[in-house]
Amino acid sequence: MKKLSAKSFNIKSTLQKAALIIGIGILLNAAAIYFLICPLRSRVKDSEVGMHEITSNLDKVRSIISTTNDKQQKIANLKKEYAELIAKGVLTPLLNSYAMRAKTLLQPLATQSGLVLEDVRELPPIPLQQPCPIKGAVHWCRQPIEFSASGSYTQLSTFISHVESELPLAILSSLEVSTQHNLPEIHKILISFEWPTRTELTP
């Protein structure tokens, strides 16, 4: 059997090579950990934080969306109430006459109360003061309408109550009651209401 010589098998050299290979492997592993694994772990951590924020924001958005239908319904109801209030309260001319429009609004209420409306006249409008009027914008005025009527005190108070209930934007601006000596139960009445009106300012 052939014997191995010291030159062909050097234990020290082999161990050095093995240690060198192991050292290089350790360095490569350390480099991989430092340059690859650590950044990946950092990115995963950042992604988890971002995901948590997105989930939290998503929950908030879902909470807001869940109340959207209710808010839309409330807005629709408010718009309807506003339109009804404007329709019932803002005075618009009839055949270019505010007095005629006012009489058509109050005549049914007077008849219901037993009060007799005899005459109506339109008084000069009262512009609402604005600190900085805007040309072309809607301009609001107070339009007084004066009625002469006859009836009892009970009929008059009932009539005023009906007006306040049915025409909430009509304001009682003046009232004068005169007694008739020949008909003490029937009074002569001079009553004025003011309505909001709107016109367009010329540019």
Protein backbone atom coordinates (compact mmCIF):
# COMPACT_ATOMS: atom_id res chain seq x y z
CA MET A 1 0.00 0.00 0.00
CA LYS A 2 1.30 3.41 -1.08
CA LYS A 3 1.97 5.87 1.73
CA LEU A 4 0.82 9.51 1.54
CA SER A 5 3.62 12.00 1.74
CA ALA A 6 3.53 15.16 3.87
CA LYS A 7 3.61 17.25 0.71
CA SER A 8 0.48 15.60 -0.75
CA PHE A 9 -1.52 15.97 2.46
CA ASN A 10 -0.94 19.14 4.51
CA ILE A 11 -3.42 19.29 7.39
CA LYS A 12 -2.53 22.84 8.30
CA SER A 13 -3.08 24.08 4.77
CA THR A 14 -6.40 22.27 4.57
CA LEU A 15 -7.60 23.75 7.84
CA GLN A 16 -6.59 27.20 6.70
CA LYS A 17 -8.53 26.78 3.48
CA ALA A 18 -11.55 25.51 5.40
CA ALA A 19 -11.34 28.40 7.85
CA LEU A 20 -11.03 30.81 4.94
CA ILE A 21 -14.08 29.32 3.23
CA ILE A 22 -16.05 29.42 6.47
CA GLY A 23 -15.00 33.03 7.09
CA ILE A 24 -16.01 34.01 3.57
CA GLY A 25 -19.34 32.26 4.09
CA ILE A 26 -19.88 34.08 7.36
CA LEU A 27 -19.05 37.39 5.70
CA LEU A 28 -21.41 36.63 2.81
CA ASN A 29 -24.17 35.69 5.24
CA ALA A 30 -23.58 38.84 7.26
CA ALA A 31 -23.61 40.91 4.09
CA ALA A 32 -26.84 39.22 2.96
CA ILE A 33 -28.41 39.88 6.35
CA TYR A 34 -27.27 43.51 6.34
CA PHE A 35 -28.01 44.38 2.72
CA LEU A 36 -31.03 42.15 2.03
CA ILE A 37 -32.77 40.79 5.10
CA CYS A 38 -32.61 43.91 7.30
CA PRO A 39 -34.00 46.22 4.61
CA LEU A 40 -36.71 43.69 3.88
CA ARG A 41 -37.63 43.50 7.56
CA SER A 42 -37.68 47.29 7.73
CA ARG A 43 -39.89 47.44 4.63
CA VAL A 44 -42.20 44.82 6.13
CA LYS A 45 -42.44 46.84 9.34
CA ASP A 46 -43.15 50.04 7.39
CA SER A 47 -45.74 48.17 5.32
CA GLU A 48 -47.45 46.93 8.48
CA VAL A 49 -47.59 50.49 9.85
CA GLY A 50 -48.93 51.77 6.53
CA MET A 51 -51.47 48.95 6.39
CA HIS A 52 -52.63 49.82 9.91
CA GLU A 53 -53.08 53.46 8.90
CA ILE A 54 -54.94 52.46 5.72
CA THR A 55 -57.20 50.13 7.68
CA SER A 56 -57.90 52.85 10.24
CA ASN A 57 -58.68 55.37 7.49
CA LEU A 58 -60.84 52.80 5.71
CA ASP A 59 -62.84 52.25 8.89
CA LYS A 60 -63.34 56.02 9.23
CA VAL A 61 -64.43 56.31 5.59
CA ARG A 62 -66.85 53.41 6.01
CA SER A 63 -68.25 55.10 9.11
CA ILE A 64 -68.75 58.33 7.17
CA ILE A 65 -70.30 56.50 4.21
CA SER A 66 -72.70 54.68 6.51
CA THR A 67 -74.16 58.05 7.57
CA THR A 68 -74.25 59.52 4.05
CA ASN A 69 -77.76 58.32 3.23
CA ASP A 70 -79.14 59.80 6.43
CA LYS A 71 -77.42 63.12 5.76
CA GLN A 72 -78.65 63.18 2.16
CA GLN A 73 -82.19 62.55 3.37
CA LYS A 74 -81.88 65.34 5.95
CA ILE A 75 -80.57 67.71 3.26
CA ALA A 76 -83.45 66.78 0.95
CA ASN A 77 -85.95 67.40 3.76
CA LEU A 78 -84.37 70.77 4.57
CA LYS A 79 -84.46 71.79 0.90
CA LYS A 80 -88.11 70.80 0.73
CA GLU A 81 -88.94 72.77 3.88
CA TYR A 82 -87.02 75.78 2.54
CA ALA A 83 -88.84 75.63 -0.80
CA GLU A 84 -92.21 75.37 0.94
CA LEU A 85 -91.35 78.28 3.24
CA ILE A 86 -90.30 80.45 0.31
CA ALA A 87 -93.40 79.45 -1.66
CA LYS A 88 -95.66 80.33 1.26
CA GLY A 89 -93.78 83.35 2.53
CA VAL A 90 -92.06 85.29 -0.25
CA LEU A 91 -94.51 87.60 -2.00
CA THR A 92 -94.48 87.54 -5.79
CA PRO A 93 -96.55 89.92 -7.96
CA LEU A 94 -99.82 88.81 -9.56
CA LEU A 95 -100.48 90.66 -12.83
CA ASN A 96 -97.64 92.99 -11.80
CA SER A 97 -99.34 93.77 -8.49
CA TYR A 98 -98.18 92.74 -5.03
CA ALA A 99 -101.52 93.91 -3.61
CA MET A 100 -103.48 91.46 -5.76
CA ARG A 101 -101.18 88.61 -4.75
CA ALA A 102 -101.53 89.50 -1.07
CA LYS A 103 -105.31 89.60 -1.35
CA THR A 104 -105.45 86.17 -2.99
CA LEU A 105 -103.38 84.84 -0.07
CA LEU A 106 -105.39 86.48 2.71
CA GLN A 107 -108.92 86.28 1.28
CA PRO A 108 -109.39 82.55 2.08
CA LEU A 109 -108.10 83.11 5.62
CA ALA A 110 -110.40 86.11 6.10
CA THR A 111 -113.39 84.14 4.83
CA GLN A 112 -112.49 81.25 7.15
CA SER A 113 -112.33 83.69 10.08
CA GLY A 114 -115.52 85.56 9.19
CA LEU A 115 -113.60 88.82 8.56
CA VAL A 116 -114.63 90.89 5.53
CA LEU A 117 -111.79 92.33 3.46
CA GLU A 118 -113.00 95.49 1.74
CA ASP A 119 -110.02 97.12 0.09
CA VAL A 120 -106.29 96.62 -0.36
CA ARG A 121 -103.45 98.89 -1.37
CA GLU A 122 -99.76 98.50 -1.92
CA LEU A 123 -97.45 100.67 0.17
CA PRO A 124 -93.91 101.69 -0.87
CA PRO A 125 -91.38 98.84 -0.42
CA ILE A 126 -88.75 99.06 2.31
CA PRO A 127 -85.31 97.94 1.08
CA LEU A 128 -83.22 95.88 3.44
CA GLN A 129 -79.95 97.63 4.22
CA GLN A 130 -76.85 95.80 3.02
CA PRO A 131 -73.32 96.87 3.98
CA CYS A 132 -71.91 95.95 0.55
CA PRO A 133 -74.63 95.47 -2.10
CA ILE A 134 -73.63 93.02 -4.82
CA LYS A 135 -74.72 93.94 -8.33
CA GLY A 136 -76.70 91.23 -10.06
CA ALA A 137 -77.46 89.46 -6.77
CA VAL A 138 -80.88 88.82 -5.29
CA HIS A 139 -82.04 91.94 -3.42
CA TRP A 140 -84.54 91.48 -0.61
CA CYS A 141 -87.17 94.07 0.38
CA ARG A 142 -90.03 94.33 2.85
CA GLN A 143 -93.28 94.93 0.99
CA PRO A 144 -96.09 96.38 3.13
CA ILE A 145 -99.69 95.73 2.03
CA GLU A 146 -102.54 97.56 3.76
CA PHE A 147 -106.04 96.09 4.06
CA SER A 148 -109.27 97.70 5.15
CA ALA A 149 -111.70 95.24 6.71
CA SER A 150 -114.65 94.92 9.02
CA GLY A 151 -115.52 92.37 11.65
CA SER A 152 -115.59 91.59 15.34
CA TYR A 153 -112.58 91.45 17.62
CA THR A 154 -112.86 87.66 17.78
CA GLN A 155 -112.90 87.41 13.97
CA LEU A 156 -109.89 89.72 13.77
CA SER A 157 -107.83 87.74 16.30
CA THR A 158 -108.76 84.48 14.55
CA PHE A 159 -107.73 85.96 11.20
CA ILE A 160 -104.35 87.10 12.56
CA SER A 161 -103.78 83.67 14.08
CA HIS A 162 -104.51 82.00 10.72
CA VAL A 163 -102.11 84.34 8.92
CA GLU A 164 -99.32 83.62 11.40
CA SER A 165 -99.91 79.89 11.02
CA GLU A 166 -100.30 79.71 7.23
CA LEU A 167 -97.95 82.54 6.18
CA PRO A 168 -95.08 82.49 8.69
CA LEU A 169 -93.03 85.13 6.84
CA ALA A 170 -95.87 87.67 6.76
CA ILE A 171 -95.37 90.18 9.58
CA LEU A 172 -98.17 92.22 11.13
CA SER A 173 -96.75 95.75 10.85
CA SER A 174 -99.69 97.95 11.86
CA LEU A 175 -103.24 97.62 13.20
CA GLU A 176 -105.94 100.21 13.77
CA VAL A 177 -109.41 99.30 15.07
CA SER A 178 -112.26 101.83 15.10
CA THR A 179 -115.64 101.36 16.78
CA GLN A 180 -118.83 101.96 14.79
CA HIS A 181 -121.55 103.54 16.90
CA ASN A 182 -124.33 102.20 14.73
CA LEU A 183 -122.80 98.67 14.71
CA PRO A 184 -120.85 98.35 17.98
CA GLU A 185 -120.15 94.63 17.47
CA ILE A 186 -118.58 95.26 14.03
CA HIS A 187 -115.35 97.27 13.95
CA LYS A 188 -113.67 99.11 11.10
CA ILE A 189 -110.18 97.69 10.77
CA LEU A 190 -107.06 98.96 9.03
CA ILE A 191 -104.37 96.28 9.07
CA SER A 192 -101.00 96.02 7.32
CA PHE A 193 -98.74 93.06 6.70
CA GLU A 194 -95.16 93.04 5.42
CA TRP A 195 -93.86 90.30 3.17
CA PRO A 196 -90.30 89.62 2.03
CA THR A 197 -89.91 90.20 -1.71
CA ARG A 198 -86.92 89.82 -3.96
CA THR A 199 -85.80 91.65 -7.08
CA GLU A 200 -82.73 91.53 -9.28
CA LEU A 201 -80.33 94.45 -9.03
CA THR A 202 -79.29 95.87 -12.37
CA PRO A 203 -75.59 95.47 -13.19
